Every structure is written in structure tokens, then in C-alpha cells.
Amino acid sequence: NFNDLIVIVFFCVCSKLDWWTSDECNMINGTNGGSFHPVITKNETLYMFSSDLCRSLYALYEEDVTVKGIPGYRFSPPSEVFANQTVNPANAGFCVPAGNCLGSGVLNVSPCKQGAPIVMSTPHFYQADEKYVQDVFGMRPKKEQHQTAIDINPVIISTLIILSRQ
């Protein structure tokens, strides 16, 4: 199935993660976000796994774009992807330890970073709880500057091929 081209099946020899508190949050879905199958349509949900975020996420079509003369579709993660469990109950599994939930727009990735106290956020706390924006002087999140987005030509597949020599 060409739609399964470049989909990540294993990460660190695991077919699922064990850092989060629910099976859904521990799933490995999609590509690495660097490339996708050809013939993308506007009604698709693009799934990707981010090793930096230690989780899978998804992006939805937002608008048509042209980048350096090449037409494309802009996909971006909706706010529900990084919302806390009160906004998106499916994200309850990212509360670690169980029940210890942060606000929307931030994620405690300590369990997958060997216990290092690391909390990831959206750029400038874009779409995060207002309390985070207010707590950092100078934060003024703006969609045009801080939204995470992927611009994809819907027909061409772009893949980086890395060859290894034994």
C-alpha cells in the first residue's frame, strides 16, 4: 500500500512506547514528519512520530500555499494535539505520573529523557494556556510566526535516503 510508504513501525526496536500512561498515547503512528506518501489530499490526517517530543501527533489541512513557486498544502497540528486532558481527554495518558497533568501547550518529556526535568512547549506558548504566556516576560504568541506547520506538495514525494556501508 503506497500510503504506508516511509511509515515508522519501530522506534528503538519497539513497536510501541512505554513512557505514557495509556496505550493510545504510547502508540507510534506515521512518518518522521520529514516526508509523506505521494498524492496527499486535503482531507487526510497526517500522522507523524517525533522522537524529540517522545510521542506521535497529527496535522490537518489548513490552506493552499505556494513556496518558491511550488504549490502545496499547509498542514498543522490543531490545538487539541497539545491540549491538556480537560480539553482533550485522549491526552490524559501524557499526564506523568498518572493524574499529574500540566496545562495545554506543554508536555513533560522527562520519562523518555532518562528522568531529566524537561518540559517541551509550543513556540512562544502558541495555543498554550494563557498562564504560561503571562509568566514569561515578552511572550506574544502569533500564529504567523509561531505556529508549527508543514507545507507539502501534494503529488511529489520528498525523501532523504541515507546509505550505510558495512
C-alpha atoms as a PDB file:
ATOM      1  CA  ASN A   1       0.000   0.000   0.000  1.00  0.00           C
ATOM      2  CA  PHE A   2       1.725   3.220  -1.126  1.00  0.00           C
ATOM      3  CA  ASN A   3       0.086   5.100   1.768  1.00  0.00           C
ATOM      4  CA  ASP A   4       2.312   3.097   4.127  1.00  0.00           C
ATOM      5  CA  LEU A   5       5.480   4.237   2.379  1.00  0.00           C
ATOM      6  CA  ILE A   6       8.009   5.603   4.937  1.00  0.00           C
ATOM      7  CA  VAL A   7       5.760   4.938   7.945  1.00  0.00           C
ATOM      8  CA  ILE A   8       7.672   4.300  11.178  1.00  0.00           C
ATOM      9  CA  VAL A   9       6.893   0.841  12.536  1.00  0.00           C
ATOM     10  CA  PHE A  10       9.578   0.553  15.227  1.00  0.00           C
ATOM     11  CA  PHE A  11      11.419   3.113  17.350  1.00  0.00           C
ATOM     12  CA  CYS A  12      14.459   1.871  19.286  1.00  0.00           C
ATOM     13  CA  VAL A  13      13.366  -1.692  18.390  1.00  0.00           C
ATOM     14  CA  CYS A  14       9.953  -1.137  19.978  1.00  0.00           C
ATOM     15  CA  SER A  15       6.609  -1.203  18.183  1.00  0.00           C
ATOM     16  CA  LYS A  16       5.100   0.940  20.936  1.00  0.00           C
ATOM     17  CA  LEU A  17       6.322   3.243  23.667  1.00  0.00           C
ATOM     18  CA  ASP A  18       6.144   2.651  27.414  1.00  0.00           C
ATOM     19  CA  TRP A  19       6.619   6.173  28.786  1.00  0.00           C
ATOM     20  CA  TRP A  20       2.996   7.246  28.929  1.00  0.00           C
ATOM     21  CA  THR A  21       0.064   6.015  30.998  1.00  0.00           C
ATOM     22  CA  SER A  22      -2.274   4.897  28.195  1.00  0.00           C
ATOM     23  CA  ASP A  23      -1.993   2.562  25.222  1.00  0.00           C
ATOM     24  CA  GLU A  24      -3.228   5.313  22.885  1.00  0.00           C
ATOM     25  CA  CYS A  25      -0.509   7.751  23.968  1.00  0.00           C
ATOM     26  CA  ASN A  26       2.141   5.013  23.674  1.00  0.00           C
ATOM     27  CA  MET A  27       1.328   4.294  20.016  1.00  0.00           C
ATOM     28  CA  ILE A  28       3.899   5.007  17.290  1.00  0.00           C
ATOM     29  CA  ASN A  29       1.992   6.471  14.339  1.00  0.00           C
ATOM     30  CA  GLY A  30       3.058   7.852  10.986  1.00  0.00           C
ATOM     31  CA  THR A  31       6.339   9.019   9.478  1.00  0.00           C
ATOM     32  CA  ASN A  32       9.120  11.094  10.999  1.00  0.00           C
ATOM     33  CA  GLY A  33       7.450  14.218   9.570  1.00  0.00           C
ATOM     34  CA  GLY A  34      10.204  14.739   7.003  1.00  0.00           C
ATOM     35  CA  SER A  35       8.308  13.092   4.171  1.00  0.00           C
ATOM     36  CA  PHE A  36       4.970  11.516   3.405  1.00  0.00           C
ATOM     37  CA  HIS A  37       3.462   9.277   0.759  1.00  0.00           C
ATOM     38  CA  PRO A  38       2.714  10.782  -2.669  1.00  0.00           C
ATOM     39  CA  VAL A  39      -0.705  12.073  -3.718  1.00  0.00           C
ATOM     40  CA  ILE A  40      -1.651  13.772  -0.441  1.00  0.00           C
ATOM     41  CA  THR A  41      -5.239  15.007  -0.276  1.00  0.00           C
ATOM     42  CA  LYS A  42      -6.674  17.913   1.721  1.00  0.00           C
ATOM     43  CA  ASN A  43      -8.963  15.647   3.741  1.00  0.00           C
ATOM     44  CA  GLU A  44      -6.145  13.464   5.099  1.00  0.00           C
ATOM     45  CA  THR A  45      -4.874  13.402   8.627  1.00  0.00           C
ATOM     46  CA  LEU A  46      -1.074  13.271   8.523  1.00  0.00           C
ATOM     47  CA  TYR A  47       0.380  11.249  11.374  1.00  0.00           C
ATOM     48  CA  MET A  48       3.977  11.595  12.486  1.00  0.00           C
ATOM     49  CA  PHE A  49       6.194  10.471  15.326  1.00  0.00           C
ATOM     50  CA  SER A  50       8.550  12.978  16.958  1.00  0.00           C
ATOM     51  CA  SER A  51      11.419  11.479  18.934  1.00  0.00           C
ATOM     52  CA  ASP A  52      12.068  14.936  20.443  1.00  0.00           C
ATOM     53  CA  LEU A  53       8.514  15.059  21.804  1.00  0.00           C
ATOM     54  CA  CYS A  54       8.547  11.308  22.560  1.00  0.00           C
ATOM     55  CA  ARG A  55       5.110  10.938  21.026  1.00  0.00           C
ATOM     56  CA  SER A  56       3.031  10.705  17.904  1.00  0.00           C
ATOM     57  CA  LEU A  57       0.964  13.632  16.721  1.00  0.00           C
ATOM     58  CA  TYR A  58      -1.084  14.603  13.703  1.00  0.00           C
ATOM     59  CA  ALA A  59      -1.671  17.545  11.405  1.00  0.00           C
ATOM     60  CA  LEU A  60      -4.717  18.621   9.406  1.00  0.00           C
ATOM     61  CA  TYR A  61      -5.011  20.578   6.169  1.00  0.00           C
ATOM     62  CA  GLU A  62      -5.206  24.303   6.771  1.00  0.00           C
ATOM     63  CA  GLU A  63      -4.750  26.121   3.454  1.00  0.00           C
ATOM     64  CA  ASP A  64      -3.219  26.108  -0.020  1.00  0.00           C
ATOM     65  CA  VAL A  65       0.237  27.727  -0.184  1.00  0.00           C
ATOM     66  CA  THR A  66       2.914  28.493  -2.755  1.00  0.00           C
ATOM     67  CA  VAL A  67       6.530  28.269  -1.619  1.00  0.00           C
ATOM     68  CA  LYS A  68       9.204  29.455  -4.065  1.00  0.00           C
ATOM     69  CA  GLY A  69       6.765  28.943  -6.926  1.00  0.00           C
ATOM     70  CA  ILE A  70       5.823  25.394  -5.882  1.00  0.00           C
ATOM     71  CA  PRO A  71       2.168  24.846  -4.946  1.00  0.00           C
ATOM     72  CA  GLY A  72       1.408  22.965  -1.800  1.00  0.00           C
ATOM     73  CA  TYR A  73      -0.896  22.275   1.088  1.00  0.00           C
ATOM     74  CA  ARG A  74      -0.205  23.573   4.579  1.00  0.00           C
ATOM     75  CA  PHE A  75      -0.901  21.090   7.365  1.00  0.00           C
ATOM     76  CA  SER A  76      -0.645  21.963  11.047  1.00  0.00           C
ATOM     77  CA  PRO A  77      -1.435  20.271  14.348  1.00  0.00           C
ATOM     78  CA  PRO A  78      -4.754  21.512  15.758  1.00  0.00           C
ATOM     79  CA  SER A  79      -4.734  22.857  19.305  1.00  0.00           C
ATOM     80  CA  GLU A  80      -6.249  19.566  20.568  1.00  0.00           C
ATOM     81  CA  VAL A  81      -2.954  17.773  19.866  1.00  0.00           C
ATOM     82  CA  PHE A  82      -1.174  19.659  22.666  1.00  0.00           C
ATOM     83  CA  ALA A  83      -4.234  20.311  24.845  1.00  0.00           C
ATOM     84  CA  ASN A  84      -4.404  19.001  28.393  1.00  0.00           C
ATOM     85  CA  GLN A  85      -6.838  16.306  29.468  1.00  0.00           C
ATOM     86  CA  THR A  86      -9.626  18.708  30.423  1.00  0.00           C
ATOM     87  CA  VAL A  87      -9.763  19.969  26.807  1.00  0.00           C
ATOM     88  CA  ASN A  88      -8.829  16.663  25.137  1.00  0.00           C
ATOM     89  CA  PRO A  89      -9.463  13.605  27.348  1.00  0.00           C
ATOM     90  CA  ALA A  90      -7.445  11.426  24.924  1.00  0.00           C
ATOM     91  CA  ASN A  91      -4.315  13.241  26.163  1.00  0.00           C
ATOM     92  CA  ALA A  92      -4.758  12.043  29.766  1.00  0.00           C
ATOM     93  CA  GLY A  93      -2.103   9.407  29.073  1.00  0.00           C
ATOM     94  CA  PHE A  94       0.518  12.156  28.742  1.00  0.00           C
ATOM     95  CA  CYS A  95      -0.019  13.098  32.401  1.00  0.00           C
ATOM     96  CA  VAL A  96       3.028  11.601  34.111  1.00  0.00           C
ATOM     97  CA  PRO A  97       2.867  10.351  36.735  1.00  0.00           C
ATOM     98  CA  ALA A  98      -0.779   9.445  36.166  1.00  0.00           C
ATOM     99  CA  GLY A  99      -3.041  12.312  37.187  1.00  0.00           C
ATOM    100  CA  ASN A 100      -0.222  14.884  37.232  1.00  0.00           C
ATOM    101  CA  CYS A 101      -1.326  16.996  34.279  1.00  0.00           C
ATOM    102  CA  LEU A 102       0.251  20.171  33.031  1.00  0.00           C
ATOM    103  CA  GLY A 103      -1.682  22.863  31.196  1.00  0.00           C
ATOM    104  CA  SER A 104      -2.340  22.912  27.480  1.00  0.00           C
ATOM    105  CA  GLY A 105       0.621  23.594  25.210  1.00  0.00           C
ATOM    106  CA  VAL A 106       3.305  21.945  27.342  1.00  0.00           C
ATOM    107  CA  LEU A 107       4.432  18.340  27.723  1.00  0.00           C
ATOM    108  CA  ASN A 108       6.558  16.737  30.440  1.00  0.00           C
ATOM    109  CA  VAL A 109       9.013  14.572  28.461  1.00  0.00           C
ATOM    110  CA  SER A 110      11.107  13.591  31.490  1.00  0.00           C
ATOM    111  CA  PRO A 111      10.066   9.910  31.340  1.00  0.00           C
ATOM    112  CA  CYS A 112      11.625   9.498  27.891  1.00  0.00           C
ATOM    113  CA  LYS A 113      14.693  11.637  28.586  1.00  0.00           C
ATOM    114  CA  GLN A 114      16.172   9.441  31.326  1.00  0.00           C
ATOM    115  CA  GLY A 115      14.433  11.450  34.043  1.00  0.00           C
ATOM    116  CA  ALA A 116      15.939  14.823  33.078  1.00  0.00           C
ATOM    117  CA  PRO A 117      13.498  17.567  34.107  1.00  0.00           C
ATOM    118  CA  ILE A 118      12.417  18.640  30.601  1.00  0.00           C
ATOM    119  CA  VAL A 119       9.106  20.207  29.663  1.00  0.00           C
ATOM    120  CA  MET A 120       8.539  20.935  25.961  1.00  0.00           C
ATOM    121  CA  SER A 121       6.262  23.697  24.777  1.00  0.00           C
ATOM    122  CA  THR A 122       4.854  25.043  21.585  1.00  0.00           C
ATOM    123  CA  PRO A 123       6.890  28.003  20.205  1.00  0.00           C
ATOM    124  CA  HIS A 124       6.246  31.080  22.365  1.00  0.00           C
ATOM    125  CA  PHE A 125       3.492  29.027  24.042  1.00  0.00           C
ATOM    126  CA  TYR A 126       1.332  29.379  20.911  1.00  0.00           C
ATOM    127  CA  GLN A 127      -2.110  27.844  21.687  1.00  0.00           C
ATOM    128  CA  ALA A 128      -0.955  27.117  25.241  1.00  0.00           C
ATOM    129  CA  ASP A 129      -2.730  28.110  28.434  1.00  0.00           C
ATOM    130  CA  GLU A 130      -2.575  31.875  28.896  1.00  0.00           C
ATOM    131  CA  LYS A 131      -0.886  31.418  32.296  1.00  0.00           C
ATOM    132  CA  TYR A 132       2.340  30.309  30.561  1.00  0.00           C
ATOM    133  CA  VAL A 133       2.345  33.332  28.259  1.00  0.00           C
ATOM    134  CA  GLN A 134       1.799  35.686  31.205  1.00  0.00           C
ATOM    135  CA  ASP A 135       4.537  34.038  33.286  1.00  0.00           C
ATOM    136  CA  VAL A 136       7.288  34.826  30.753  1.00  0.00           C
ATOM    137  CA  PHE A 137       8.027  38.479  30.066  1.00  0.00           C
ATOM    138  CA  GLY A 138       7.879  39.360  26.381  1.00  0.00           C
ATOM    139  CA  MET A 139       5.825  36.390  25.181  1.00  0.00           C
ATOM    140  CA  ARG A 140       3.423  37.414  22.442  1.00  0.00           C
ATOM    141  CA  PRO A 141       2.495  34.287  20.507  1.00  0.00           C
ATOM    142  CA  LYS A 142       1.379  34.957  16.945  1.00  0.00           C
ATOM    143  CA  LYS A 143       0.074  32.333  14.553  1.00  0.00           C
ATOM    144  CA  GLU A 144       2.068  33.710  11.592  1.00  0.00           C
ATOM    145  CA  GLN A 145       5.354  33.408  13.494  1.00  0.00           C
ATOM    146  CA  HIS A 146       4.902  30.574  15.971  1.00  0.00           C
ATOM    147  CA  GLN A 147       2.532  28.012  14.500  1.00  0.00           C
ATOM    148  CA  THR A 148       4.023  24.632  13.670  1.00  0.00           C
ATOM    149  CA  ALA A 149       3.214  23.870  10.044  1.00  0.00           C
ATOM    150  CA  ILE A 150       4.289  21.542   7.245  1.00  0.00           C
ATOM    151  CA  ASP A 151       3.995  22.665   3.630  1.00  0.00           C
ATOM    152  CA  ILE A 152       3.679  19.685   1.289  1.00  0.00           C
ATOM    153  CA  ASN A 153       3.455  19.413  -2.465  1.00  0.00           C
ATOM    154  CA  PRO A 154       0.517  17.004  -2.776  1.00  0.00           C
ATOM    155  CA  VAL A 155       1.983  14.952  -5.650  1.00  0.00           C
ATOM    156  CA  ILE A 156       5.764  14.829  -5.257  1.00  0.00           C
ATOM    157  CA  ILE A 157       7.318  12.606  -2.623  1.00  0.00           C
ATOM    158  CA  SER A 158      10.410  14.016  -0.980  1.00  0.00           C
ATOM    159  CA  THR A 159      12.578  11.542   0.820  1.00  0.00           C
ATOM    160  CA  LEU A 160      16.097  11.747   2.148  1.00  0.00           C
ATOM    161  CA  ILE A 161      17.819   8.448   1.509  1.00  0.00           C
ATOM    162  CA  ILE A 162      20.718   7.611   3.775  1.00  0.00           C
ATOM    163  CA  LEU A 163      23.011   4.795   2.676  1.00  0.00           C
ATOM    164  CA  SER A 164      25.095   2.956   5.199  1.00  0.00           C
ATOM    165  CA  ARG A 165      28.161   0.949   4.268  1.00  0.00           C
ATOM    166  CA  GLN A 166      29.174  -2.121   6.204  1.00  0.00           C
END
